[in-house]
PDB file of N, CA and C in Angstrom:
ATOM      1  N   MET A   1     105.399 119.548  79.778  1.00  0.00           N
ATOM      2  CA  MET A   1     106.638 119.099  79.200  1.00  0.00           C
ATOM      3  C   MET A   1     107.834 119.403  80.099  1.00  0.00           C
ATOM      4  N   PHE A   2     107.826 120.557  80.761  1.00  0.00           N
ATOM      5  CA  PHE A   2     108.955 120.947  81.604  1.00  0.00           C
ATOM      6  C   PHE A   2     108.676 120.692  83.076  1.00  0.00           C
ATOM      7  N   ARG A   3     107.747 119.831  83.374  1.00  0.00           N
ATOM      8  CA  ARG A   3     107.360 119.546  84.746  1.00  0.00           C
ATOM      9  C   ARG A   3     108.530 119.057  85.595  1.00  0.00           C
ATOM     10  N   LEU A   4     109.454 118.320  85.003  1.00  0.00           N
ATOM     11  CA  LEU A   4     110.604 117.812  85.760  1.00  0.00           C
ATOM     12  C   LEU A   4     111.445 118.928  86.358  1.00  0.00           C
ATOM     13  N   PHE A   5     111.392 120.084  85.760  1.00  0.00           N
ATOM     14  CA  PHE A   5     112.228 121.188  86.202  1.00  0.00           C
ATOM     15  C   PHE A   5     111.479 122.206  87.055  1.00  0.00           C
ATOM     16  N   SER A   6     110.225 121.945  87.351  1.00  0.00           N
ATOM     17  CA  SER A   6     109.456 122.904  88.135  1.00  0.00           C
ATOM     18  C   SER A   6     109.869 122.838  89.600  1.00  0.00           C
ATOM     19  N   LYS A   7     109.592 123.912  90.340  1.00  0.00           N
ATOM     20  CA  LYS A   7     109.923 123.968  91.757  1.00  0.00           C
ATOM     21  C   LYS A   7     109.119 122.974  92.570  1.00  0.00           C
ATOM     22  N   SER A   8     108.002 122.504  92.020  1.00  0.00           N
ATOM     23  CA  SER A   8     107.147 121.583  92.759  1.00  0.00           C
ATOM     24  C   SER A   8     107.525 120.128  92.533  1.00  0.00           C
ATOM     25  N   SER A   9     108.656 119.870  91.876  1.00  0.00           N
ATOM     26  CA  SER A   9     109.034 118.483  91.636  1.00  0.00           C
ATOM     27  C   SER A   9     109.299 117.776  92.968  1.00  0.00           C
ATOM     28  N   THR A  10     109.151 116.473  92.937  1.00  0.00           N
ATOM     29  CA  THR A  10     109.281 115.666  94.142  1.00  0.00           C
ATOM     30  C   THR A  10     110.722 115.653  94.654  1.00  0.00           C
ATOM     31  N   LYS A  11     110.877 115.738  95.961  1.00  0.00           N
ATOM     32  CA  LYS A  11     112.202 115.631  96.580  1.00  0.00           C
ATOM     33  C   LYS A  11     112.705 114.210  96.412  1.00  0.00           C
ATOM     34  N   SER A  12     114.027 114.056  96.446  1.00  0.00           N
ATOM     35  CA  SER A  12     114.585 112.709  96.357  1.00  0.00           C
ATOM     36  C   SER A  12     115.856 112.597  97.185  1.00  0.00           C
ATOM     37  N   VAL A  13     116.193 111.354  97.510  1.00  0.00           N
ATOM     38  CA  VAL A  13     117.438 111.023  98.189  1.00  0.00           C
ATOM     39  C   VAL A  13     117.969 109.767  97.505  1.00  0.00           C
ATOM     40  N   ASP A  14     119.264 109.687  97.321  1.00  0.00           N
ATOM     41  CA  ASP A  14     119.855 108.512  96.685  1.00  0.00           C
ATOM     42  C   ASP A  14     119.911 107.356  97.679  1.00  0.00           C
ATOM     43  N   VAL A  15     119.655 106.154  97.183  1.00  0.00           N
ATOM     44  CA  VAL A  15     119.666 104.979  98.055  1.00  0.00           C
ATOM     45  C   VAL A  15     121.019 104.809  98.750  1.00  0.00           C
ATOM     46  N   LYS A  16     122.097 105.316  98.167  1.00  0.00           N
ATOM     47  CA  LYS A  16     123.420 105.225  98.798  1.00  0.00           C
ATOM     48  C   LYS A  16     123.467 105.991 100.126  1.00  0.00           C
ATOM     49  N   ASP A  17     122.562 106.951 100.303  1.00  0.00           N
ATOM     50  CA  ASP A  17     122.538 107.777 101.508  1.00  0.00           C
ATOM     51  C   ASP A  17     121.459 107.355 102.507  1.00  0.00           C
ATOM     52  N   ILE A  18     120.778 106.249 102.245  1.00  0.00           N
ATOM     53  CA  ILE A  18     119.622 105.879 103.066  1.00  0.00           C
ATOM     54  C   ILE A  18     120.007 105.280 104.420  1.00  0.00           C
ATOM     55  N   ASP A  19     121.156 104.605 104.511  1.00  0.00           N
ATOM     56  CA  ASP A  19     121.540 103.971 105.782  1.00  0.00           C
ATOM     57  C   ASP A  19     121.543 104.948 106.955  1.00  0.00           C
ATOM     58  N   GLN A  20     122.027 106.159 106.729  1.00  0.00           N
ATOM     59  CA  GLN A  20     122.097 107.131 107.826  1.00  0.00           C
ATOM     60  C   GLN A  20     120.717 107.617 108.263  1.00  0.00           C
ATOM     61  N   LEU A  21     119.696 107.339 107.455  1.00  0.00           N
ATOM     62  CA  LEU A  21     118.338 107.778 107.777  1.00  0.00           C
ATOM     63  C   LEU A  21     117.477 106.676 108.389  1.00  0.00           C
ATOM     64  N   LEU A  22     117.896 105.416 108.230  1.00  0.00           N
ATOM     65  CA  LEU A  22     117.085 104.297 108.715  1.00  0.00           C
ATOM     66  C   LEU A  22     116.820 104.416 110.210  1.00  0.00           C
ATOM     67  N   GLY A  23     115.579 104.181 110.574  1.00  0.00           N
ATOM     68  CA  GLY A  23     115.163 104.308 111.966  1.00  0.00           C
ATOM     69  C   GLY A  23     114.662 105.698 112.308  1.00  0.00           C
ATOM     70  N   LYS A  24     114.923 106.653 111.418  1.00  0.00           N
ATOM     71  CA  LYS A  24     114.492 108.042 111.639  1.00  0.00           C
ATOM     72  C   LYS A  24     113.405 108.461 110.658  1.00  0.00           C
ATOM     73  N   ILE A  25     113.138 107.606 109.662  1.00  0.00           N
ATOM     74  CA  ILE A  25     112.179 107.936 108.606  1.00  0.00           C
ATOM     75  C   ILE A  25     111.146 106.832 108.476  1.00  0.00           C
ATOM     76  N   ASP A  26     110.026 107.164 107.817  1.00  0.00           N
ATOM     77  CA  ASP A  26     109.039 106.163 107.431  1.00  0.00           C
ATOM     78  C   ASP A  26     109.387 105.753 106.005  1.00  0.00           C
ATOM     79  N   LEU A  27     109.959 104.562 105.850  1.00  0.00           N
ATOM     80  CA  LEU A  27     110.380 104.046 104.559  1.00  0.00           C
ATOM     81  C   LEU A  27     109.350 103.029 104.071  1.00  0.00           C
ATOM     82  N   ILE A  28     108.779 103.292 102.904  1.00  0.00           N
ATOM     83  CA  ILE A  28     107.754 102.416 102.344  1.00  0.00           C
ATOM     84  C   ILE A  28     108.260 101.813 101.045  1.00  0.00           C
ATOM     85  N   ASP A  29     108.262 100.487 101.006  1.00  0.00           N
ATOM     86  CA  ASP A  29     108.667  99.720  99.828  1.00  0.00           C
ATOM     87  C   ASP A  29     107.388  99.384  99.067  1.00  0.00           C
ATOM     88  N   ILE A  30     107.247  99.926  97.849  1.00  0.00           N
ATOM     89  CA  ILE A  30     106.001  99.756  97.095  1.00  0.00           C
ATOM     90  C   ILE A  30     106.045  98.593  96.106  1.00  0.00           C
ATOM     91  N   ARG A  31     107.051  97.741  96.228  1.00  0.00           N
ATOM     92  CA  ARG A  31     107.106  96.561  95.359  1.00  0.00           C
ATOM     93  C   ARG A  31     106.027  95.558  95.770  1.00  0.00           C
ATOM     94  N   GLU A  32     105.819  94.581  94.921  1.00  0.00           N
ATOM     95  CA  GLU A  32     104.859  93.521  95.216  1.00  0.00           C
ATOM     96  C   GLU A  32     105.388  92.674  96.385  1.00  0.00           C
ATOM     97  N   PRO A  33     104.490  92.017  97.134  1.00  0.00           N
ATOM     98  CA  PRO A  33     104.916  91.237  98.302  1.00  0.00           C
ATOM     99  C   PRO A  33     106.006  90.202  98.012  1.00  0.00           C
ATOM    100  N   ASN A  34     105.952  89.523  96.872  1.00  0.00           N
ATOM    101  CA  ASN A  34     106.983  88.527  96.566  1.00  0.00           C
ATOM    102  C   ASN A  34     108.340  89.195  96.343  1.00  0.00           C
ATOM    103  N   GLU A  35     108.360  90.394  95.768  1.00  0.00           N
ATOM    104  CA  GLU A  35     109.619  91.132  95.595  1.00  0.00           C
ATOM    105  C   GLU A  35     110.172  91.538  96.962  1.00  0.00           C
ATOM    106  N   TYR A  36     109.293  92.043  97.809  1.00  0.00           N
ATOM    107  CA  TYR A  36     109.665  92.482  99.157  1.00  0.00           C
ATOM    108  C   TYR A  36     110.257  91.314  99.952  1.00  0.00           C
ATOM    109  N   ARG A  37     109.601  90.157  99.895  1.00  0.00           N
ATOM    110  CA  ARG A  37     110.069  88.976 100.640  1.00  0.00           C
ATOM    111  C   ARG A  37     111.424  88.483 100.143  1.00  0.00           C
ATOM    112  N   SER A  38     111.751  88.765  98.894  1.00  0.00           N
ATOM    113  CA  SER A  38     113.036  88.307  98.352  1.00  0.00           C
ATOM    114  C   SER A  38     114.204  89.144  98.875  1.00  0.00           C
ATOM    115  N   GLY A  39     113.914  90.258  99.518  1.00  0.00           N
ATOM    116  CA  GLY A  39     114.942  91.092 100.135  1.00  0.00           C
ATOM    117  C   GLY A  39     114.543  92.550 100.132  1.00  0.00           C
ATOM    118  N   HIS A  40     114.547  93.164 101.325  1.00  0.00           N
ATOM    119  CA  HIS A  40     114.171  94.574 101.452  1.00  0.00           C
ATOM    120  C   HIS A  40     115.119  95.288 102.418  1.00  0.00           C
ATOM    121  N   ILE A  41     115.150  96.595 102.314  1.00  0.00           N
ATOM    122  CA  ILE A  41     115.977  97.418 103.189  1.00  0.00           C
ATOM    123  C   ILE A  41     115.411  97.355 104.611  1.00  0.00           C
ATOM    124  N   PRO A  42     116.278  97.206 105.609  1.00  0.00           N
ATOM    125  CA  PRO A  42     115.802  97.159 106.995  1.00  0.00           C
ATOM    126  C   PRO A  42     114.893  98.353 107.321  1.00  0.00           C
ATOM    127  N   THR A  43     113.865  98.120 108.062  1.00  0.00           N
ATOM    128  CA  THR A  43     112.829  99.059 108.529  1.00  0.00           C
ATOM    129  C   THR A  43     111.795  99.410 107.465  1.00  0.00           C
ATOM    130  N   ALA A  44     111.980  98.970 106.217  1.00  0.00           N
ATOM    131  CA  ALA A  44     111.007  99.286 105.161  1.00  0.00           C
ATOM    132  C   ALA A  44     109.713  98.519 105.389  1.00  0.00           C
ATOM    133  N   LYS A  45     108.609  99.223 105.246  1.00  0.00           N
ATOM    134  CA  LYS A  45     107.285  98.625 105.361  1.00  0.00           C
ATOM    135  C   LYS A  45     106.764  98.386 103.949  1.00  0.00           C
ATOM    136  N   ASN A  46     106.186  97.231 103.698  1.00  0.00           N
ATOM    137  CA  ASN A  46     105.682  96.907 102.362  1.00  0.00           C
ATOM    138  C   ASN A  46     104.227  97.324 102.197  1.00  0.00           C
ATOM    139  N   ILE A  47     104.000  98.261 101.284  1.00  0.00           N
ATOM    140  CA  ILE A  47     102.657  98.628 100.844  1.00  0.00           C
ATOM    141  C   ILE A  47     102.739  98.675  99.315  1.00  0.00           C
ATOM    142  N   PRO A  48     102.225  97.649  98.628  1.00  0.00           N
ATOM    143  CA  PRO A  48     102.335  97.614  97.173  1.00  0.00           C
ATOM    144  C   PRO A  48     101.770  98.874  96.504  1.00  0.00           C
ATOM    145  N   MET A  49     102.368  99.218  95.365  1.00  0.00           N
ATOM    146  CA  MET A  49     102.022 100.447  94.654  1.00  0.00           C
ATOM    147  C   MET A  49     100.521 100.565  94.393  1.00  0.00           C
ATOM    148  N   ASN A  50      99.893  99.495  93.900  1.00  0.00           N
ATOM    149  CA  ASN A  50      98.466  99.603  93.591  1.00  0.00           C
ATOM    150  C   ASN A  50      97.647  99.891  94.844  1.00  0.00           C
ATOM    151  N   SER A  51      98.041  99.341  95.970  1.00  0.00           N
ATOM    152  CA  SER A  51      97.327  99.561  97.225  1.00  0.00           C
ATOM    153  C   SER A  51      97.532 100.980  97.755  1.00  0.00           C
ATOM    154  N   ILE A  52      98.770 101.451  97.733  1.00  0.00           N
ATOM    155  CA  ILE A  52      99.047 102.791  98.268  1.00  0.00           C
ATOM    156  C   ILE A  52      98.397 103.879  97.420  1.00  0.00           C
ATOM    157  N   LEU A  53      98.257 103.625  96.117  1.00  0.00           N
ATOM    158  CA  LEU A  53      97.632 104.625  95.246  1.00  0.00           C
ATOM    159  C   LEU A  53      96.110 104.561  95.284  1.00  0.00           C
ATOM    160  N   SER A  54      95.542 103.376  95.460  1.00  0.00           N
ATOM    161  CA  SER A  54      94.079 103.261  95.456  1.00  0.00           C
ATOM    162  C   SER A  54      93.454 103.477  96.829  1.00  0.00           C
ATOM    163  N   GLU A  55      94.214 103.238  97.893  1.00  0.00           N
ATOM    164  CA  GLU A  55      93.704 103.396  99.257  1.00  0.00           C
ATOM    165  C   GLU A  55      94.656 104.270 100.076  1.00  0.00           C
ATOM    166  N   THR A  56      95.041 105.385  99.521  1.00  0.00           N
ATOM    167  CA  THR A  56      96.061 106.233 100.126  1.00  0.00           C
ATOM    168  C   THR A  56      95.721 106.630 101.557  1.00  0.00           C
ATOM    169  N   GLU A  57      94.488 107.048 101.795  1.00  0.00           N
ATOM    170  CA  GLU A  57      94.096 107.529 103.116  1.00  0.00           C
ATOM    171  C   GLU A  57      94.198 106.435 104.168  1.00  0.00           C
ATOM    172  N   LYS A  58      94.076 105.182 103.762  1.00  0.00           N
ATOM    173  CA  LYS A  58      94.177 104.039 104.677  1.00  0.00           C
ATOM    174  C   LYS A  58      95.621 103.835 105.142  1.00  0.00           C
ATOM    175  N   HIS A  59      96.586 104.211 104.301  1.00  0.00           N
ATOM    176  CA  HIS A  59      97.991 103.909 104.573  1.00  0.00           C
ATOM    177  C   HIS A  59      98.841 105.102 105.013  1.00  0.00           C
ATOM    178  N   LEU A  60      98.478 106.299 104.573  1.00  0.00           N
ATOM    179  CA  LEU A  60      99.334 107.465 104.824  1.00  0.00           C
ATOM    180  C   LEU A  60      98.606 108.563 105.572  1.00  0.00           C
ATOM    181  N   ASP A  61      99.372 109.382 106.262  1.00  0.00           N
ATOM    182  CA  ASP A  61      98.881 110.531 107.015  1.00  0.00           C
ATOM    183  C   ASP A  61      99.485 111.785 106.381  1.00  0.00           C
ATOM    184  N   LYS A  62      98.657 112.743 106.040  1.00  0.00           N
ATOM    185  CA  LYS A  62      99.158 113.960 105.385  1.00  0.00           C
ATOM    186  C   LYS A  62     100.050 114.808 106.290  1.00  0.00           C
ATOM    187  N   GLN A  63     100.079 114.509 107.572  1.00  0.00           N
ATOM    188  CA  GLN A  63     100.922 115.256 108.498  1.00  0.00           C
ATOM    189  C   GLN A  63     102.337 114.682 108.604  1.00  0.00           C
ATOM    190  N   LYS A  64     102.550 113.505 108.025  1.00  0.00           N
ATOM    191  CA  LYS A  64     103.861 112.845 108.102  1.00  0.00           C
ATOM    192  C   LYS A  64     104.584 112.911 106.763  1.00  0.00           C
ATOM    193  N   GLU A  65     105.884 112.627 106.813  1.00  0.00           N
ATOM    194  CA  GLU A  65     106.706 112.559 105.604  1.00  0.00           C
ATOM    195  C   GLU A  65     107.099 111.098 105.388  1.00  0.00           C
ATOM    196  N   TYR A  66     107.076 110.672 104.123  1.00  0.00           N
ATOM    197  CA  TYR A  66     107.379 109.289 103.778  1.00  0.00           C
ATOM    198  C   TYR A  66     108.450 109.227 102.702  1.00  0.00           C
ATOM    199  N   HIS A  67     109.330 108.240 102.826  1.00  0.00           N
ATOM    200  CA  HIS A  67     110.326 107.927 101.802  1.00  0.00           C
ATOM    201  C   HIS A  67     109.800 106.701 101.060  1.00  0.00           C
ATOM    202  N   ILE A  68     109.734 106.782  99.739  1.00  0.00           N
ATOM    203  CA  ILE A  68     109.157 105.729  98.914  1.00  0.00           C
ATOM    204  C   ILE A  68     110.259 105.073  98.084  1.00  0.00           C
ATOM    205  N   ILE A  69     110.306 103.732  98.114  1.00  0.00           N
ATOM    206  CA  ILE A  69     111.327 102.985  97.375  1.00  0.00           C
ATOM    207  C   ILE A  69     110.680 101.836  96.613  1.00  0.00           C
ATOM    208  N   CYS A  70     111.304 101.470  95.483  1.00  0.00           N
ATOM    209  CA  CYS A  70     110.897 100.294  94.712  1.00  0.00           C
ATOM    210  C   CYS A  70     112.169  99.531  94.346  1.00  0.00           C
ATOM    211  N   GLN A  71     112.186  98.814  93.241  1.00  0.00           N
ATOM    212  CA  GLN A  71     113.366  98.043  92.861  1.00  0.00           C
ATOM    213  C   GLN A  71     114.453  98.903  92.229  1.00  0.00           C
ATOM    214  N   SER A  72     114.065  99.783  91.285  1.00  0.00           N
ATOM    215  CA  SER A  72     115.080 100.575  90.573  1.00  0.00           C
ATOM    216  C   SER A  72     114.815 102.080  90.581  1.00  0.00           C
ATOM    217  N   GLY A  73     113.656 102.496  91.022  1.00  0.00           N
ATOM    218  CA  GLY A  73     113.344 103.918  91.098  1.00  0.00           C
ATOM    219  C   GLY A  73     112.241 104.383  90.173  1.00  0.00           C
ATOM    220  N   GLY A  74     111.870 103.582  89.197  1.00  0.00           N
ATOM    221  CA  GLY A  74     110.825 103.976  88.251  1.00  0.00           C
ATOM    222  C   GLY A  74     109.437 104.023  88.863  1.00  0.00           C
ATOM    223  N   ARG A  75     109.034 102.950  89.509  1.00  0.00           N
ATOM    224  CA  ARG A  75     107.708 102.910  90.141  1.00  0.00           C
ATOM    225  C   ARG A  75     107.604 103.934  91.257  1.00  0.00           C
ATOM    226  N   SER A  76     108.667 104.061  92.046  1.00  0.00           N
ATOM    227  CA  SER A  76     108.604 105.011  93.159  1.00  0.00           C
ATOM    228  C   SER A  76     108.496 106.442  92.640  1.00  0.00           C
ATOM    229  N   ALA A  77     109.170 106.767  91.541  1.00  0.00           N
ATOM    230  CA  ALA A  77     109.073 108.115  90.975  1.00  0.00           C
ATOM    231  C   ALA A  77     107.641 108.400  90.530  1.00  0.00           C
ATOM    232  N   ARG A  78     107.013 107.429  89.853  1.00  0.00           N
ATOM    233  CA  ARG A  78     105.620 107.612  89.413  1.00  0.00           C
ATOM    234  C   ARG A  78     104.687 107.746  90.614  1.00  0.00           C
ATOM    235  N   ALA A  79     104.855 106.865  91.592  1.00  0.00           N
ATOM    236  CA  ALA A  79     103.994 106.900  92.773  1.00  0.00           C
ATOM    237  C   ALA A  79     104.173 108.204  93.544  1.00  0.00           C
ATOM    238  N   CYS A  80     105.408 108.661  93.670  1.00  0.00           N
ATOM    239  CA  CYS A  80     105.665 109.908  94.398  1.00  0.00           C
ATOM    240  C   CYS A  80     104.969 111.086  93.745  1.00  0.00           C
ATOM    241  N   GLY A  81     104.992 111.144  92.427  1.00  0.00           N
ATOM    242  CA  GLY A  81     104.311 112.225  91.723  1.00  0.00           C
ATOM    243  C   GLY A  81     102.819 112.239  92.010  1.00  0.00           C
ATOM    244  N   ILE A  82     102.208 111.081  91.981  1.00  0.00           N
ATOM    245  CA  ILE A  82     100.773 110.962  92.242  1.00  0.00           C
ATOM    246  C   ILE A  82     100.458 111.301  93.697  1.00  0.00           C
ATOM    247  N   LEU A  83     101.247 110.769  94.622  1.00  0.00           N
ATOM    248  CA  LEU A  83     101.005 111.026  96.049  1.00  0.00           C
ATOM    249  C   LEU A  83     101.220 112.490  96.393  1.00  0.00           C
ATOM    250  N   LYS A  84     102.203 113.116  95.780  1.00  0.00           N
ATOM    251  CA  LYS A  84     102.436 114.543  96.021  1.00  0.00           C
ATOM    252  C   LYS A  84     101.241 115.361  95.534  1.00  0.00           C
ATOM    253  N   GLU A  85     100.699 114.998  94.373  1.00  0.00           N
ATOM    254  CA  GLU A  85      99.516 115.706  93.858  1.00  0.00           C
ATOM    255  C   GLU A  85      98.321 115.546  94.790  1.00  0.00           C
ATOM    256  N   LYS A  86      98.263 114.437  95.524  1.00  0.00           N
ATOM    257  CA  LYS A  86      97.188 114.203  96.486  1.00  0.00           C
ATOM    258  C   LYS A  86      97.425 114.950  97.800  1.00  0.00           C
ATOM    259  N   GLY A  87      98.584 115.599  97.928  1.00  0.00           N
ATOM    260  CA  GLY A  87      98.854 116.408  99.114  1.00  0.00           C
ATOM    261  C   GLY A  87      99.718 115.757 100.176  1.00  0.00           C
ATOM    262  N   TYR A  88     100.411 114.670  99.842  1.00  0.00           N
ATOM    263  CA  TYR A  88     101.256 113.984 100.820  1.00  0.00           C
ATOM    264  C   TYR A  88     102.700 114.460 100.722  1.00  0.00           C
ATOM    265  N   HIS A  89     103.412 114.372 101.831  1.00  0.00           N
ATOM    266  CA  HIS A  89     104.823 114.763 101.905  1.00  0.00           C
ATOM    267  C   HIS A  89     105.656 113.527 101.591  1.00  0.00           C
ATOM    268  N   ILE A  90     106.245 113.525 100.407  1.00  0.00           N
ATOM    269  CA  ILE A  90     106.868 112.334  99.856  1.00  0.00           C
ATOM    270  C   ILE A  90     108.296 112.627  99.411  1.00  0.00           C
ATOM    271  N   ILE A  91     109.187 111.668  99.656  1.00  0.00           N
ATOM    272  CA  ILE A  91     110.561 111.741  99.148  1.00  0.00           C
ATOM    273  C   ILE A  91     110.841 110.442  98.403  1.00  0.00           C
ATOM    274  N   ASN A  92     111.280 110.549  97.162  1.00  0.00           N
ATOM    275  CA  ASN A  92     111.598 109.387  96.350  1.00  0.00           C
ATOM    276  C   ASN A  92     113.015 108.910  96.664  1.00  0.00           C
ATOM    277  N   VAL A  93     113.180 107.601  96.858  1.00  0.00           N
ATOM    278  CA  VAL A  93     114.506 107.020  97.063  1.00  0.00           C
ATOM    279  C   VAL A  93     114.992 106.539  95.699  1.00  0.00           C
ATOM    280  N   THR A  94     115.893 107.309  95.089  1.00  0.00           N
ATOM    281  CA  THR A  94     116.376 106.980  93.753  1.00  0.00           C
ATOM    282  C   THR A  94     117.371 105.835  93.803  1.00  0.00           C
ATOM    283  N   GLY A  95     117.392 105.054  92.749  1.00  0.00           N
ATOM    284  CA  GLY A  95     118.277 103.903  92.679  1.00  0.00           C
ATOM    285  C   GLY A  95     117.605 102.622  93.133  1.00  0.00           C
ATOM    286  N   GLY A  96     116.712 102.741  94.083  1.00  0.00           N
ATOM    287  CA  GLY A  96     115.931 101.599  94.528  1.00  0.00           C
ATOM    288  C   GLY A  96     116.710 100.533  95.280  1.00  0.00           C
ATOM    289  N   THR A  97     115.974  99.508  95.667  1.00  0.00           N
ATOM    290  CA  THR A  97     116.536  98.401  96.417  1.00  0.00           C
ATOM    291  C   THR A  97     117.655  97.710  95.633  1.00  0.00           C
ATOM    292  N   GLY A  98     117.547  97.697  94.325  1.00  0.00           N
ATOM    293  CA  GLY A  98     118.548  97.049  93.491  1.00  0.00           C
ATOM    294  C   GLY A  98     119.934  97.650  93.604  1.00  0.00           C
ATOM    295  N   ARG A  99     120.028  98.926  93.960  1.00  0.00           N
ATOM    296  CA  ARG A  99     121.329  99.583  94.109  1.00  0.00           C
ATOM    297  C   ARG A  99     121.754  99.731  95.564  1.00  0.00           C
ATOM    298  N   TYR A 100     120.965  99.202  96.479  1.00  0.00           N
ATOM    299  CA  TYR A 100     121.305  99.293  97.900  1.00  0.00           C
ATOM    300  C   TYR A 100     122.498  98.381  98.180  1.00  0.00           C
ATOM    301  N   SER A 101     123.531  98.918  98.815  1.00  0.00           N
ATOM    302  CA  SER A 101     124.747  98.135  99.043  1.00  0.00           C
ATOM    303  C   SER A 101     124.787  97.465 100.414  1.00  0.00           C
ATOM    304  N   GLY A 102     123.834  97.797 101.275  1.00  0.00           N
ATOM    305  CA  GLY A 102     123.796  97.170 102.597  1.00  0.00           C
ATOM    306  C   GLY A 102     123.165  95.797 102.544  1.00  0.00           C
ATOM    307  N   LYS A 103     123.043  95.180 103.707  1.00  0.00           N
ATOM    308  CA  LYS A 103     122.453  93.847 103.799  1.00  0.00           C
ATOM    309  C   LYS A 103     120.928  93.959 103.781  1.00  0.00           C
ATOM    310  N   LEU A 104     120.310  93.220 102.887  1.00  0.00           N
ATOM    311  CA  LEU A 104     118.849  93.198 102.798  1.00  0.00           C
ATOM    312  C   LEU A 104     118.286  92.218 103.814  1.00  0.00           C
ATOM    313  N   GLU A 105     117.111  92.552 104.339  1.00  0.00           N
ATOM    314  CA  GLU A 105     116.404  91.635 105.231  1.00  0.00           C
ATOM    315  C   GLU A 105     115.496  90.742 104.397  1.00  0.00           C
ATOM    316  N   ARG A 106     115.296  89.532 104.881  1.00  0.00           N
ATOM    317  CA  ARG A 106     114.396  88.587 104.185  1.00  0.00           C
ATOM    318  C   ARG A 106     113.390  88.045 105.158  1.00  0.00           C
TER     319      ARG A 106
END
């Protein structure tokens, strides 16, 4: 019940602060391919949520850190919790692509 307040909760960064990190981080957009094609943050790599969760070892390296983003932050928060439990270094991008104020790539 109080898991949200535990010290092991997932790290996060607000999407408003992501521009200064672009090019320095591994940013993964877990939306579906059609959502990604409609507009994504520059440098974001598309790995849909179902794929990243079912074939994690194929997509991620436990020695690296990843920033995970979706449309509004709900899917990325769920995915980050699961990936963290699997032992990956994950940072949730809160607010999602929908709150990104920069220019989206298509």
